[in-house]
Amino acid sequence: MHAYMRRRARAMGFSPSALTASRGTADQTLAKHLIAWELRLNFPAASNPQIARVLGYGDHTTVLYALRKMNALAAKGFPGFQHLLEGNRDD
């Protein structure tokens, strides 16, 4: 999961350390939420606490929030996420 997170962070134009920091820009937060959602899809056996550790979240409840938010956005076609999704179709 760590390797996946690092690869996706770089593909989105962020350093992995920037995404695991406790504070970040709005784009970093969106990218972090998107990666949390991707980790849930690509690693279904991973627990929410495991995903939280990979992303530097304080605890698993932040993962739950990110997943709920991303599921709602996915249903709408990810408005506002195109800049993060472009060029990353092979992942």
N, C-alpha and C. Protein backbone atom coordinates (compact mmCIF):
# COMPACT_ATOMS: atom_id res chain seq x y z
N MET A 1 0.82 -1.19 0.00
CA MET A 1 0.00 0.00 0.00
C MET A 1 0.86 1.25 0.00
N HIS A 2 1.98 1.21 0.71
CA HIS A 2 2.86 2.39 0.76
C HIS A 2 3.39 2.72 -0.63
N ALA A 3 3.80 1.70 -1.37
CA ALA A 3 4.34 1.92 -2.72
C ALA A 3 3.25 2.50 -3.63
N TYR A 4 2.04 2.01 -3.51
CA TYR A 4 0.93 2.53 -4.31
C TYR A 4 0.71 4.01 -3.99
N MET A 5 0.67 4.34 -2.71
CA MET A 5 0.46 5.73 -2.30
C MET A 5 1.56 6.63 -2.85
N ARG A 6 2.81 6.20 -2.75
CA ARG A 6 3.92 7.02 -3.25
C ARG A 6 3.81 7.22 -4.76
N ARG A 7 3.50 6.16 -5.48
CA ARG A 7 3.37 6.25 -6.93
C ARG A 7 2.24 7.20 -7.33
N ARG A 8 1.10 7.08 -6.69
CA ARG A 8 -0.04 7.94 -7.01
C ARG A 8 0.22 9.39 -6.62
N ALA A 9 0.87 9.60 -5.48
CA ALA A 9 1.19 10.97 -5.07
C ALA A 9 2.06 11.65 -6.13
N ARG A 10 3.09 10.95 -6.57
CA ARG A 10 3.98 11.52 -7.60
C ARG A 10 3.23 11.74 -8.92
N ALA A 11 2.35 10.80 -9.28
CA ALA A 11 1.59 10.93 -10.53
C ALA A 11 0.67 12.16 -10.49
N MET A 12 0.24 12.53 -9.30
CA MET A 12 -0.63 13.69 -9.15
C MET A 12 0.17 14.98 -8.95
N GLY A 13 1.50 14.86 -8.89
CA GLY A 13 2.34 16.04 -8.77
C GLY A 13 2.67 16.45 -7.35
N PHE A 14 2.53 15.53 -6.41
CA PHE A 14 2.84 15.82 -5.01
C PHE A 14 3.95 14.90 -4.52
N SER A 15 4.71 15.37 -3.57
CA SER A 15 5.67 14.47 -2.93
C SER A 15 4.89 13.62 -1.93
N PRO A 16 5.28 12.37 -1.76
CA PRO A 16 4.58 11.54 -0.77
C PRO A 16 4.59 12.15 0.63
N SER A 17 5.69 12.79 1.00
CA SER A 17 5.76 13.40 2.34
C SER A 17 4.77 14.54 2.48
N ALA A 18 4.49 15.27 1.38
CA ALA A 18 3.50 16.35 1.45
C ALA A 18 2.11 15.79 1.72
N LEU A 19 1.82 14.62 1.17
CA LEU A 19 0.48 14.04 1.37
C LEU A 19 0.33 13.37 2.72
N THR A 20 1.42 12.98 3.34
CA THR A 20 1.30 12.34 4.65
C THR A 20 1.45 13.35 5.78
N ALA A 21 1.67 14.62 5.45
CA ALA A 21 1.75 15.66 6.47
C ALA A 21 0.37 15.88 7.08
N SER A 22 0.35 16.37 8.31
CA SER A 22 -0.93 16.56 8.98
C SER A 22 -1.72 17.74 8.42
N ARG A 23 -1.05 18.68 7.81
CA ARG A 23 -1.71 19.83 7.18
C ARG A 23 -1.31 19.92 5.73
N GLY A 24 -2.19 20.46 4.90
CA GLY A 24 -1.87 20.59 3.49
C GLY A 24 -2.81 21.54 2.80
N THR A 25 -2.56 21.74 1.54
CA THR A 25 -3.43 22.59 0.73
C THR A 25 -4.72 21.86 0.41
N ALA A 26 -5.66 22.58 -0.15
CA ALA A 26 -6.93 21.96 -0.54
C ALA A 26 -6.69 20.86 -1.58
N ASP A 27 -5.80 21.12 -2.55
CA ASP A 27 -5.50 20.09 -3.56
C ASP A 27 -4.84 18.87 -2.94
N GLN A 28 -3.98 19.07 -1.96
CA GLN A 28 -3.35 17.94 -1.29
C GLN A 28 -4.39 17.12 -0.54
N THR A 29 -5.33 17.78 0.09
CA THR A 29 -6.39 17.07 0.80
C THR A 29 -7.25 16.27 -0.16
N LEU A 30 -7.60 16.87 -1.31
CA LEU A 30 -8.38 16.15 -2.31
C LEU A 30 -7.62 14.93 -2.81
N ALA A 31 -6.32 15.11 -3.07
CA ALA A 31 -5.50 14.00 -3.55
C ALA A 31 -5.43 12.89 -2.50
N LYS A 32 -5.29 13.28 -1.26
CA LYS A 32 -5.22 12.31 -0.16
C LYS A 32 -6.52 11.53 -0.05
N HIS A 33 -7.64 12.21 -0.16
CA HIS A 33 -8.94 11.53 -0.12
C HIS A 33 -9.09 10.59 -1.30
N LEU A 34 -8.66 11.04 -2.48
CA LEU A 34 -8.75 10.19 -3.67
C LEU A 34 -7.89 8.94 -3.50
N ILE A 35 -6.69 9.09 -2.97
CA ILE A 35 -5.82 7.94 -2.75
C ILE A 35 -6.42 7.00 -1.70
N ALA A 36 -7.03 7.54 -0.67
CA ALA A 36 -7.70 6.69 0.34
C ALA A 36 -8.77 5.85 -0.33
N TRP A 37 -9.54 6.46 -1.21
CA TRP A 37 -10.60 5.76 -1.94
C TRP A 37 -10.01 4.69 -2.85
N GLU A 38 -8.92 5.04 -3.55
CA GLU A 38 -8.26 4.06 -4.42
C GLU A 38 -7.68 2.90 -3.62
N LEU A 39 -7.11 3.20 -2.46
CA LEU A 39 -6.56 2.13 -1.62
C LEU A 39 -7.67 1.17 -1.20
N ARG A 40 -8.84 1.72 -0.84
CA ARG A 40 -9.96 0.86 -0.45
C ARG A 40 -10.36 -0.04 -1.62
N LEU A 41 -10.37 0.50 -2.83
CA LEU A 41 -10.76 -0.29 -3.99
C LEU A 41 -9.70 -1.32 -4.38
N ASN A 42 -8.44 -0.95 -4.31
CA ASN A 42 -7.36 -1.82 -4.77
C ASN A 42 -6.83 -2.78 -3.71
N PHE A 43 -7.09 -2.49 -2.46
CA PHE A 43 -6.64 -3.34 -1.35
C PHE A 43 -7.83 -3.60 -0.42
N PRO A 44 -8.81 -4.37 -0.88
CA PRO A 44 -10.05 -4.55 -0.11
C PRO A 44 -9.85 -5.21 1.26
N ALA A 45 -8.77 -5.93 1.43
CA ALA A 45 -8.53 -6.58 2.73
C ALA A 45 -7.90 -5.62 3.74
N ALA A 46 -7.48 -4.45 3.29
CA ALA A 46 -6.85 -3.49 4.20
C ALA A 46 -7.90 -2.88 5.12
N SER A 47 -7.53 -2.71 6.36
CA SER A 47 -8.45 -2.10 7.32
C SER A 47 -8.35 -0.58 7.23
N ASN A 48 -9.36 0.08 7.74
CA ASN A 48 -9.31 1.55 7.77
C ASN A 48 -8.13 2.07 8.58
N PRO A 49 -7.79 1.47 9.72
CA PRO A 49 -6.59 1.92 10.44
C PRO A 49 -5.31 1.75 9.61
N GLN A 50 -5.21 0.69 8.82
CA GLN A 50 -4.04 0.51 7.96
C GLN A 50 -3.96 1.62 6.91
N ILE A 51 -5.06 1.93 6.29
CA ILE A 51 -5.09 3.01 5.31
C ILE A 51 -4.75 4.33 5.98
N ALA A 52 -5.26 4.55 7.17
CA ALA A 52 -4.97 5.78 7.91
C ALA A 52 -3.46 5.92 8.16
N ARG A 53 -2.81 4.84 8.53
CA ARG A 53 -1.36 4.90 8.77
C ARG A 53 -0.59 5.22 7.50
N VAL A 54 -0.99 4.63 6.38
CA VAL A 54 -0.31 4.87 5.11
C VAL A 54 -0.40 6.35 4.73
N LEU A 55 -1.54 6.96 4.98
CA LEU A 55 -1.76 8.34 4.57
C LEU A 55 -1.45 9.37 5.64
N GLY A 56 -1.04 8.92 6.81
CA GLY A 56 -0.70 9.85 7.87
C GLY A 56 -1.89 10.49 8.55
N TYR A 57 -3.07 9.85 8.42
CA TYR A 57 -4.26 10.34 9.11
C TYR A 57 -4.13 10.05 10.60
N GLY A 58 -4.80 10.84 11.41
CA GLY A 58 -4.76 10.65 12.85
C GLY A 58 -5.36 9.33 13.28
N ASP A 59 -6.47 8.97 12.68
CA ASP A 59 -7.10 7.68 13.00
C ASP A 59 -8.03 7.26 11.87
N HIS A 60 -8.67 6.12 12.06
CA HIS A 60 -9.49 5.53 11.01
C HIS A 60 -10.74 6.33 10.67
N THR A 61 -11.19 7.18 11.58
CA THR A 61 -12.40 7.94 11.29
C THR A 61 -12.19 8.93 10.15
N THR A 62 -10.97 9.40 9.97
CA THR A 62 -10.68 10.29 8.85
C THR A 62 -10.78 9.53 7.54
N VAL A 63 -10.39 8.26 7.55
CA VAL A 63 -10.54 7.43 6.36
C VAL A 63 -12.03 7.25 6.06
N LEU A 64 -12.83 6.99 7.07
CA LEU A 64 -14.28 6.86 6.87
C LEU A 64 -14.85 8.13 6.24
N TYR A 65 -14.44 9.29 6.72
CA TYR A 65 -14.91 10.56 6.17
C TYR A 65 -14.49 10.68 4.71
N ALA A 66 -13.22 10.39 4.43
CA ALA A 66 -12.70 10.50 3.06
C ALA A 66 -13.45 9.56 2.12
N LEU A 67 -13.71 8.34 2.56
CA LEU A 67 -14.42 7.37 1.71
C LEU A 67 -15.85 7.81 1.44
N ARG A 68 -16.53 8.32 2.45
CA ARG A 68 -17.90 8.81 2.24
C ARG A 68 -17.91 9.97 1.25
N LYS A 69 -16.97 10.88 1.44
CA LYS A 69 -16.89 12.04 0.56
C LYS A 69 -16.59 11.61 -0.88
N MET A 70 -15.65 10.71 -1.05
CA MET A 70 -15.27 10.28 -2.39
C MET A 70 -16.37 9.45 -3.05
N ASN A 71 -17.09 8.64 -2.30
CA ASN A 71 -18.21 7.89 -2.87
C ASN A 71 -19.28 8.84 -3.39
N ALA A 72 -19.54 9.90 -2.64
CA ALA A 72 -20.53 10.89 -3.08
C ALA A 72 -20.04 11.61 -4.35
N LEU A 73 -18.76 11.95 -4.38
CA LEU A 73 -18.21 12.62 -5.57
C LEU A 73 -18.14 11.69 -6.77
N ALA A 74 -17.86 10.42 -6.52
CA ALA A 74 -17.80 9.45 -7.61
C ALA A 74 -19.18 9.32 -8.28
N ALA A 75 -20.21 9.37 -7.48
CA ALA A 75 -21.57 9.28 -8.02
C ALA A 75 -21.90 10.47 -8.91
N LYS A 76 -21.19 11.58 -8.71
CA LYS A 76 -21.40 12.79 -9.52
C LYS A 76 -20.37 12.93 -10.63
N GLY A 77 -19.48 11.95 -10.79
CA GLY A 77 -18.47 12.01 -11.84
C GLY A 77 -17.21 12.76 -11.46
N PHE A 78 -16.94 12.88 -10.18
CA PHE A 78 -15.75 13.56 -9.67
C PHE A 78 -15.62 15.01 -10.13
N PRO A 79 -16.61 15.83 -9.91
CA PRO A 79 -16.46 17.23 -10.30
C PRO A 79 -15.31 17.88 -9.54
N GLY A 80 -14.48 18.62 -10.24
CA GLY A 80 -13.36 19.29 -9.61
C GLY A 80 -12.12 18.44 -9.43
N PHE A 81 -12.15 17.21 -9.90
CA PHE A 81 -11.01 16.32 -9.74
C PHE A 81 -10.25 16.05 -11.02
N GLN A 82 -10.69 16.62 -12.12
CA GLN A 82 -10.08 16.30 -13.40
C GLN A 82 -8.58 16.57 -13.41
N HIS A 83 -8.16 17.65 -12.76
CA HIS A 83 -6.73 17.97 -12.73
C HIS A 83 -5.91 16.91 -12.01
N LEU A 84 -6.52 16.17 -11.11
CA LEU A 84 -5.82 15.08 -10.42
C LEU A 84 -5.91 13.77 -11.20
N LEU A 85 -6.97 13.60 -11.98
CA LEU A 85 -7.18 12.36 -12.67
C LEU A 85 -6.50 12.30 -14.04
N GLU A 86 -6.28 13.45 -14.66
CA GLU A 86 -5.68 13.46 -16.00
C GLU A 86 -4.28 12.89 -15.96
N GLY A 87 -3.99 12.09 -16.95
CA GLY A 87 -2.65 11.51 -17.07
C GLY A 87 -2.40 10.34 -16.13
N ASN A 88 -3.40 9.90 -15.40
CA ASN A 88 -3.21 8.83 -14.42
C ASN A 88 -4.11 7.64 -14.73
N ARG A 89 -4.45 7.47 -15.98
CA ARG A 89 -5.39 6.43 -16.35
C ARG A 89 -4.80 5.03 -16.35
N ASP A 90 -3.47 4.89 -16.31
CA ASP A 90 -2.86 3.56 -16.35
C ASP A 90 -2.67 2.96 -14.99
N ASP A 91 -3.02 3.66 -13.92
CA ASP A 91 -2.84 3.14 -12.55
C ASP A 91 -3.93 2.19 -12.18
